[in-house]
C-alpha atoms as a PDB file:
ATOM      1  CA  MET A   1     150.461 134.626 119.989  1.00  0.00           C
ATOM      2  CA  LEU A   2     148.750 131.227 119.508  1.00  0.00           C
ATOM      3  CA  GLY A   3     145.875 132.873 121.423  1.00  0.00           C
ATOM      4  CA  ASP A   4     145.848 135.905 119.071  1.00  0.00           C
ATOM      5  CA  PHE A   5     145.482 133.290 116.062  1.00  0.00           C
ATOM      6  CA  THR A   6     142.884 131.041 117.859  1.00  0.00           C
ATOM      7  CA  ARG A   7     140.687 134.041 118.363  1.00  0.00           C
ATOM      8  CA  ALA A   8     141.082 135.239 114.580  1.00  0.00           C
ATOM      9  CA  LEU A   9     140.303 131.863 113.500  1.00  0.00           C
ATOM     10  CA  ALA A  10     137.261 131.609 115.497  1.00  0.00           C
ATOM     11  CA  GLN A  11     135.920 134.802 113.867  1.00  0.00           C
ATOM     12  CA  LEU A  12     136.705 133.452 110.333  1.00  0.00           C
ATOM     13  CA  GLY A  13     132.917 133.031 109.687  1.00  0.00           C
ATOM     14  CA  ASP A  14     132.239 136.781 110.241  1.00  0.00           C
ATOM     15  CA  GLY A  15     130.389 138.320 107.310  1.00  0.00           C
ATOM     16  CA  ARG A  16     132.853 141.111 106.897  1.00  0.00           C
ATOM     17  CA  PHE A  17     135.830 138.351 106.937  1.00  0.00           C
ATOM     18  CA  LEU A  18     134.135 136.249 104.325  1.00  0.00           C
ATOM     19  CA  ARG A  19     133.568 139.311 102.093  1.00  0.00           C
ATOM     20  CA  VAL A  20     137.375 140.371 102.141  1.00  0.00           C
ATOM     21  CA  PHE A  21     138.295 136.675 101.632  1.00  0.00           C
ATOM     22  CA  GLY A  22     135.801 136.417  98.857  1.00  0.00           C
ATOM     23  CA  LEU A  23     137.147 139.787  97.255  1.00  0.00           C
ATOM     24  CA  SER A  24     140.806 139.067  97.835  1.00  0.00           C
ATOM     25  CA  LEU A  25     140.295 135.357  96.319  1.00  0.00           C
ATOM     26  CA  LEU A  26     138.669 136.640  93.204  1.00  0.00           C
ATOM     27  CA  LEU A  27     140.916 139.528  92.511  1.00  0.00           C
ATOM     28  CA  SER A  28     144.331 137.274  93.173  1.00  0.00           C
ATOM     29  CA  ALA A  29     142.957 134.520  91.067  1.00  0.00           C
ATOM     30  CA  ALA A  30     142.127 136.957  88.318  1.00  0.00           C
ATOM     31  CA  LEU A  31     145.628 138.704  88.508  1.00  0.00           C
ATOM     32  CA  LEU A  32     147.532 135.340  88.519  1.00  0.00           C
ATOM     33  CA  GLY A  33     145.357 133.575  85.818  1.00  0.00           C
ATOM     34  CA  GLY A  34     145.903 136.482  83.522  1.00  0.00           C
ATOM     35  CA  LEU A  35     149.542 136.400  83.907  1.00  0.00           C
ATOM     36  CA  MET A  36     149.769 132.784  83.908  1.00  0.00           C
ATOM     37  CA  ALA A  37     147.682 133.091  80.261  1.00  0.00           C
ATOM     38  CA  LEU A  38     150.143 135.722  79.046  1.00  0.00           C
ATOM     39  CA  TRP A  39     153.261 133.365  79.989  1.00  0.00           C
ATOM     40  CA  TRP A  40     151.461 130.473  78.469  1.00  0.00           C
ATOM     41  CA  ARG A  41     150.787 132.279  75.025  1.00  0.00           C
ATOM     42  CA  ALA A  42     154.489 133.907  75.442  1.00  0.00           C
ATOM     43  CA  THR A  43     155.826 130.148  75.373  1.00  0.00           C
ATOM     44  CA  ASP A  44     153.811 128.992  72.462  1.00  0.00           C
ATOM     45  CA  GLY A  45     156.792 129.721  70.238  1.00  0.00           C
ATOM     46  CA  LEU A  46     159.348 127.327  72.136  1.00  0.00           C
ATOM     47  CA  ALA A  47     157.865 124.077  70.268  1.00  0.00           C
ATOM     48  CA  GLN A  48     158.325 125.858  66.855  1.00  0.00           C
ATOM     49  CA  MET A  49     162.062 126.441  66.990  1.00  0.00           C
ATOM     50  CA  ASP A  50     163.147 123.928  64.831  1.00  0.00           C
ATOM     51  CA  LEU A  51     166.341 122.683  66.838  1.00  0.00           C
ATOM     52  CA  THR A  52     168.818 120.529  65.110  1.00  0.00           C
ATOM     53  CA  LEU A  53     171.835 118.689  65.880  1.00  0.00           C
ATOM     54  CA  PHE A  54     174.234 117.538  63.026  1.00  0.00           C
ATOM     55  CA  GLY A  55     171.261 117.502  60.663  1.00  0.00           C
ATOM     56  CA  TYR A  56     169.100 115.757  63.448  1.00  0.00           C
ATOM     57  CA  SER A  57     165.768 117.309  64.300  1.00  0.00           C
ATOM     58  CA  LEU A  58     165.490 117.769  68.224  1.00  0.00           C
ATOM     59  CA  GLY A  59     161.732 118.267  68.212  1.00  0.00           C
ATOM     60  CA  PHE A  60     161.396 116.541  71.548  1.00  0.00           C
ATOM     61  CA  LEU A  61     163.708 118.977  73.147  1.00  0.00           C
ATOM     62  CA  GLU A  62     161.363 121.818  72.004  1.00  0.00           C
ATOM     63  CA  SER A  63     158.218 120.370  73.674  1.00  0.00           C
ATOM     64  CA  ALA A  64     160.228 119.466  76.686  1.00  0.00           C
ATOM     65  CA  LEU A  65     161.486 123.307  76.935  1.00  0.00           C
ATOM     66  CA  GLU A  66     157.866 124.544  76.046  1.00  0.00           C
ATOM     67  CA  TRP A  67     156.331 122.546  79.106  1.00  0.00           C
ATOM     68  CA  LEU A  68     159.716 123.288  81.309  1.00  0.00           C
ATOM     69  CA  ALA A  69     158.997 126.999  80.664  1.00  0.00           C
ATOM     70  CA  ARG A  70     155.275 126.591  81.520  1.00  0.00           C
ATOM     71  CA  ALA A  71     155.941 124.659  84.651  1.00  0.00           C
ATOM     72  CA  GLY A  72     158.511 127.415  85.619  1.00  0.00           C
ATOM     73  CA  GLY A  73     156.003 129.941  85.185  1.00  0.00           C
ATOM     74  CA  ALA A  74     153.431 128.200  87.204  1.00  0.00           C
ATOM     75  CA  LEU A  75     155.792 127.681  90.042  1.00  0.00           C
ATOM     76  CA  ALA A  76     156.860 131.198  89.836  1.00  0.00           C
ATOM     77  CA  LEU A  77     153.260 132.569  90.124  1.00  0.00           C
ATOM     78  CA  GLY A  78     152.818 130.214  92.899  1.00  0.00           C
ATOM     79  CA  PHE A  79     155.813 131.754  94.585  1.00  0.00           C
ATOM     80  CA  MET A  80     154.007 134.926  94.078  1.00  0.00           C
ATOM     81  CA  MET A  81     150.713 133.993  95.734  1.00  0.00           C
ATOM     82  CA  MET A  82     151.571 135.342  99.229  1.00  0.00           C
ATOM     83  CA  PRO A  83     152.733 139.165  98.104  1.00  0.00           C
ATOM     84  CA  VAL A  84     149.460 139.296  95.667  1.00  0.00           C
ATOM     85  CA  ALA A  85     147.144 137.973  98.488  1.00  0.00           C
ATOM     86  CA  SER A  86     148.637 140.403 100.821  1.00  0.00           C
ATOM     87  CA  LEU A  87     148.533 143.560  98.458  1.00  0.00           C
ATOM     88  CA  PHE A  88     144.800 142.845  98.084  1.00  0.00           C
ATOM     89  CA  ILE A  89     144.137 142.183 101.615  1.00  0.00           C
ATOM     90  CA  GLY A  90     145.946 145.252 102.565  1.00  0.00           C
ATOM     91  CA  MET A  91     143.421 147.168 100.397  1.00  0.00           C
ATOM     92  CA  PHE A  92     140.615 145.826 102.951  1.00  0.00           C
ATOM     93  CA  LEU A  93     142.627 146.010 106.187  1.00  0.00           C
ATOM     94  CA  GLU A  94     140.258 148.504 107.701  1.00  0.00           C
ATOM     95  CA  GLU A  95     137.557 146.466 107.216  1.00  0.00           C
ATOM     96  CA  ILE A  96     138.878 143.393 108.914  1.00  0.00           C
ATOM     97  CA  ALA A  97     140.406 145.309 111.879  1.00  0.00           C
ATOM     98  CA  ASP A  98     137.017 146.961 112.671  1.00  0.00           C
ATOM     99  CA  ALA A  99     134.941 143.707 112.581  1.00  0.00           C
ATOM    100  CA  VAL A 100     137.835 142.475 115.160  1.00  0.00           C
ATOM    101  CA  GLU A 101     137.789 145.508 117.251  1.00  0.00           C
ATOM    102  CA  ILE A 102     133.909 145.917 117.106  1.00  0.00           C
ATOM    103  CA  LYS A 103     133.508 142.433 118.606  1.00  0.00           C
ATOM    104  CA  HIS A 104     136.495 142.314 121.097  1.00  0.00           C
ATOM    105  CA  TYR A 105     137.499 145.821 121.733  1.00  0.00           C
ATOM    106  CA  PRO A 106     134.381 148.135 121.247  1.00  0.00           C
ATOM    107  CA  ASP A 107     136.017 150.803 123.818  1.00  0.00           C
ATOM    108  CA  ALA A 108     139.462 150.713 122.198  1.00  0.00           C
ATOM    109  CA  ARG A 109     138.652 150.939 118.444  1.00  0.00           C
ATOM    110  CA  GLY A 110     141.245 152.556 116.152  1.00  0.00           C
ATOM    111  CA  MET A 111     139.786 155.910 114.839  1.00  0.00           C
ATOM    112  CA  ARG A 112     142.383 156.905 112.488  1.00  0.00           C
ATOM    113  CA  ARG A 113     141.130 155.897 109.004  1.00  0.00           C
ATOM    114  CA  MET A 114     143.739 155.494 105.961  1.00  0.00           C
ATOM    115  CA  GLY A 115     142.723 156.493 102.485  1.00  0.00           C
ATOM    116  CA  TRP A 116     142.087 153.846  99.936  1.00  0.00           C
ATOM    117  CA  LEU A 117     145.011 155.428  97.834  1.00  0.00           C
ATOM    118  CA  ASP A 118     147.197 155.354 100.849  1.00  0.00           C
ATOM    119  CA  LEU A 119     146.619 151.519 101.344  1.00  0.00           C
ATOM    120  CA  LEU A 120     147.212 150.669  97.955  1.00  0.00           C
ATOM    121  CA  THR A 121     150.429 152.643  97.860  1.00  0.00           C
ATOM    122  CA  ASP A 122     151.682 151.142 100.911  1.00  0.00           C
ATOM    123  CA  GLY A 123     150.520 147.748  99.700  1.00  0.00           C
ATOM    124  CA  LEU A 124     152.318 148.095  96.408  1.00  0.00           C
ATOM    125  CA  LEU A 125     155.531 148.996  98.172  1.00  0.00           C
ATOM    126  CA  PHE A 126     155.307 146.176 100.502  1.00  0.00           C
ATOM    127  CA  THR A 127     154.742 143.672  97.862  1.00  0.00           C
ATOM    128  CA  MET A 128     157.654 144.937  95.665  1.00  0.00           C
ATOM    129  CA  THR A 129     159.781 144.749  99.004  1.00  0.00           C
ATOM    130  CA  LEU A 130     158.557 141.332  99.660  1.00  0.00           C
ATOM    131  CA  VAL A 131     159.109 140.119  96.138  1.00  0.00           C
ATOM    132  CA  ALA A 132     162.621 141.782  95.975  1.00  0.00           C
ATOM    133  CA  ALA A 133     163.595 140.165  99.253  1.00  0.00           C
ATOM    134  CA  ASN A 134     162.505 136.747  98.406  1.00  0.00           C
ATOM    135  CA  LEU A 135     164.228 137.070  94.924  1.00  0.00           C
ATOM    136  CA  ALA A 136     167.445 138.013  96.763  1.00  0.00           C
ATOM    137  CA  ALA A 137     166.970 135.152  99.395  1.00  0.00           C
ATOM    138  CA  LEU A 138     166.142 132.568  96.468  1.00  0.00           C
ATOM    139  CA  ALA A 139     169.596 131.796  95.949  1.00  0.00           C
ATOM    140  CA  LEU A 140     170.011 131.101  99.728  1.00  0.00           C
ATOM    141  CA  TYR A 141     166.900 128.688  99.534  1.00  0.00           C
ATOM    142  CA  LEU A 142     168.708 126.938  96.708  1.00  0.00           C
ATOM    143  CA  ILE A 143     172.252 126.693  98.089  1.00  0.00           C
ATOM    144  CA  PHE A 144     170.922 125.873 101.641  1.00  0.00           C
ATOM    145  CA  LEU A 145     167.992 123.492 100.248  1.00  0.00           C
ATOM    146  CA  PRO A 146     167.619 121.381 103.419  1.00  0.00           C
ATOM    147  CA  ILE A 147     166.800 124.535 105.483  1.00  0.00           C
ATOM    148  CA  GLY A 148     165.125 126.548 102.456  1.00  0.00           C
ATOM    149  CA  PRO A 149     161.717 126.321 103.955  1.00  0.00           C
ATOM    150  CA  ALA A 150     162.907 127.681 107.306  1.00  0.00           C
ATOM    151  CA  LEU A 151     164.728 130.412 105.544  1.00  0.00           C
ATOM    152  CA  PHE A 152     161.549 131.107 103.757  1.00  0.00           C
ATOM    153  CA  ILE A 153     159.479 131.287 106.796  1.00  0.00           C
ATOM    154  CA  MET A 154     161.991 133.885 108.322  1.00  0.00           C
ATOM    155  CA  VAL A 155     162.173 136.103 105.790  1.00  0.00           C
ATOM    156  CA  ASN A 156     158.514 136.228 104.925  1.00  0.00           C
ATOM    157  CA  GLY A 157     157.727 136.103 108.688  1.00  0.00           C
ATOM    158  CA  TYR A 158     159.645 139.175 109.254  1.00  0.00           C
ATOM    159  CA  PHE A 159     158.193 141.363 106.567  1.00  0.00           C
ATOM    160  CA  LEU A 160     154.713 139.864 107.165  1.00  0.00           C
ATOM    161  CA  GLY A 161     154.842 140.641 110.890  1.00  0.00           C
ATOM    162  CA  ARG A 162     156.026 144.205 110.189  1.00  0.00           C
ATOM    163  CA  GLN A 163     153.627 145.133 107.754  1.00  0.00           C
ATOM    164  CA  TYR A 164     150.366 143.842 109.154  1.00  0.00           C
ATOM    165  CA  PHE A 165     151.500 145.163 112.843  1.00  0.00           C
ATOM    166  CA  GLU A 166     152.495 148.557 111.891  1.00  0.00           C
ATOM    167  CA  LEU A 167     149.233 149.042 109.748  1.00  0.00           C
ATOM    168  CA  VAL A 168     146.892 147.635 112.477  1.00  0.00           C
ATOM    169  CA  ALA A 169     148.828 149.772 115.238  1.00  0.00           C
ATOM    170  CA  ALA A 170     148.740 152.947 112.847  1.00  0.00           C
ATOM    171  CA  ARG A 171     145.007 153.118 113.059  1.00  0.00           C
ATOM    172  CA  HIS A 172     145.458 154.115 116.820  1.00  0.00           C
ATOM    173  CA  VAL A 173     148.800 155.847 116.906  1.00  0.00           C
ATOM    174  CA  GLY A 174     149.824 156.894 113.315  1.00  0.00           C
ATOM    175  CA  PHE A 175     152.677 155.393 111.525  1.00  0.00           C
ATOM    176  CA  ALA A 176     155.881 156.874 113.454  1.00  0.00           C
ATOM    177  CA  ALA A 177     154.431 155.620 116.772  1.00  0.00           C
ATOM    178  CA  ALA A 178     153.279 152.240 115.284  1.00  0.00           C
ATOM    179  CA  ARG A 179     156.929 151.583 114.034  1.00  0.00           C
ATOM    180  CA  LYS A 180     158.416 152.254 117.777  1.00  0.00           C
ATOM    181  CA  LEU A 181     155.961 149.964 119.346  1.00  0.00           C
ATOM    182  CA  ARG A 182     156.767 147.178 116.997  1.00  0.00           C
ATOM    183  CA  LYS A 183     160.451 147.636 117.256  1.00  0.00           C
ATOM    184  CA  ARG A 184     160.005 147.534 121.141  1.00  0.00           C
ATOM    185  CA  PHE A 185     158.392 144.019 120.717  1.00  0.00           C
ATOM    186  CA  ARG A 186     160.333 143.162 117.499  1.00  0.00           C
ATOM    187  CA  LEU A 187     160.935 139.612 118.509  1.00  0.00           C
ATOM    188  CA  ARG A 188     157.420 138.922 119.387  1.00  0.00           C
ATOM    189  CA  VAL A 189     156.138 140.328 116.163  1.00  0.00           C
ATOM    190  CA  TRP A 190     158.695 138.547 114.034  1.00  0.00           C
ATOM    191  CA  VAL A 191     157.594 135.054 115.749  1.00  0.00           C
ATOM    192  CA  ALA A 192     153.989 136.046 115.055  1.00  0.00           C
ATOM    193  CA  GLY A 193     154.718 136.777 111.483  1.00  0.00           C
ATOM    194  CA  MET A 194     156.444 133.527 110.971  1.00  0.00           C
ATOM    195  CA  LEU A 195     153.408 131.507 112.308  1.00  0.00           C
ATOM    196  CA  MET A 196     151.669 133.145 109.550  1.00  0.00           C
ATOM    197  CA  ALA A 197     154.082 132.604 106.935  1.00  0.00           C
ATOM    198  CA  ALA A 198     154.431 128.896 107.775  1.00  0.00           C
ATOM    199  CA  PRO A 199     151.379 127.783 105.924  1.00  0.00           C
ATOM    200  CA  LEU A 200     151.579 130.471 102.929  1.00  0.00           C
ATOM    201  CA  SER A 201     152.797 127.984 100.525  1.00  0.00           C
ATOM    202  CA  ILE A 202     149.685 125.850 100.779  1.00  0.00           C
ATOM    203  CA  PRO A 203     147.474 127.246  97.660  1.00  0.00           C
ATOM    204  CA  LEU A 204     144.162 127.753  99.558  1.00  0.00           C
ATOM    205  CA  LEU A 205     145.628 128.695 102.965  1.00  0.00           C
ATOM    206  CA  GLY A 206     147.566 131.176 101.012  1.00  0.00           C
ATOM    207  CA  LEU A 207     144.738 133.322 100.463  1.00  0.00           C
ATOM    208  CA  VAL A 208     143.093 132.886 103.952  1.00  0.00           C
ATOM    209  CA  ILE A 209     146.370 133.352 106.025  1.00  0.00           C
ATOM    210  CA  PRO A 210     146.606 137.229 105.112  1.00  0.00           C
ATOM    211  CA  VAL A 211     142.865 137.668 106.402  1.00  0.00           C
ATOM    212  CA  LEU A 212     143.947 135.744 109.549  1.00  0.00           C
ATOM    213  CA  GLY A 213     147.003 137.796 110.048  1.00  0.00           C
ATOM    214  CA  VAL A 214     145.437 140.970 109.935  1.00  0.00           C
ATOM    215  CA  ALA A 215     142.825 139.805 112.564  1.00  0.00           C
ATOM    216  CA  SER A 216     145.546 138.144 114.646  1.00  0.00           C
ATOM    217  CA  PHE A 217     147.780 141.258 114.885  1.00  0.00           C
ATOM    218  CA  THR A 218     144.765 143.431 115.776  1.00  0.00           C
ATOM    219  CA  HIS A 219     144.460 141.114 118.948  1.00  0.00           C
ATOM    220  CA  MET A 220     148.149 141.325 119.293  1.00  0.00           C
ATOM    221  CA  HIS A 221     148.423 145.075 119.070  1.00  0.00           C
ATOM    222  CA  GLN A 222     145.769 145.563 121.624  1.00  0.00           C
ATOM    223  CA  ARG A 223     147.513 143.109 124.021  1.00  0.00           C
ATOM    224  CA  LEU A 224     151.029 144.505 123.304  1.00  0.00           C
ATOM    225  CA  ALA A 225     149.789 148.197 123.592  1.00  0.00           C
ATOM    226  CA  SER A 226     148.289 147.397 126.875  1.00  0.00           C
ATOM    227  CA  LEU A 227     151.451 145.867 128.073  1.00  0.00           C
ATOM    228  CA  ALA A 228     153.667 148.948 126.897  1.00  0.00           C
ATOM    229  CA  ALA A 229     151.516 151.209 128.816  1.00  0.00           C
ATOM    230  CA  MET A 230     151.705 149.314 131.913  1.00  0.00           C
ATOM    231  CA  ARG A 231     155.427 149.131 131.727  1.00  0.00           C
ATOM    232  CA  ASP A 232     155.439 153.055 131.052  1.00  0.00           C
ATOM    233  CA  ALA A 233     153.248 153.635 133.975  1.00  0.00           C
ATOM    234  CA  ARG A 234     155.695 151.900 136.379  1.00  0.00           C
END
């Protein structure tokens, strides 16, 4: 698994990788920046509430509420960085996987092409599932605060591994067979997903990791597909 990631990292300077990274960076920044601007505007009125207690003005609380709301909004958007970046990377999955297979597996390239609409629809469903899972797990993160980061990595690693592995494998065998292959090696895929999820809370890496994730799972699929074929042939 580390070898898959190392080979993906070594190809990060590939022009097609850089193009996808640049596009995902611009799209993610535009979306998150727009949402933050809307939230900033929506919280403008908090400082104008004229809070009083026994006739005394609580203006300092109004300003505090405004800045707490804005800080909370920024934190929430940071929390959304991974699913947003994953959504945009999913739209360019074909280009990343092709670049890896052309360089490393020219005789074993995935020839099934997924339509742009299919990729967008799948990416939206994945993003909504990921957000819902993280919101559901948020209570656990807060209750078990000392192990919150580990829970974050485990939850996101599971979904990240499942999504990227199945999308990459589907280019070769279709979604049904890709799901079966992922379940056959579910622990390896989950661990690889956790390796991808671990640095996602770091802002810049949160945008680079999905690119490396697709590339890493392309290597992993090639390796596990060969292993599965060898086992089946016995």
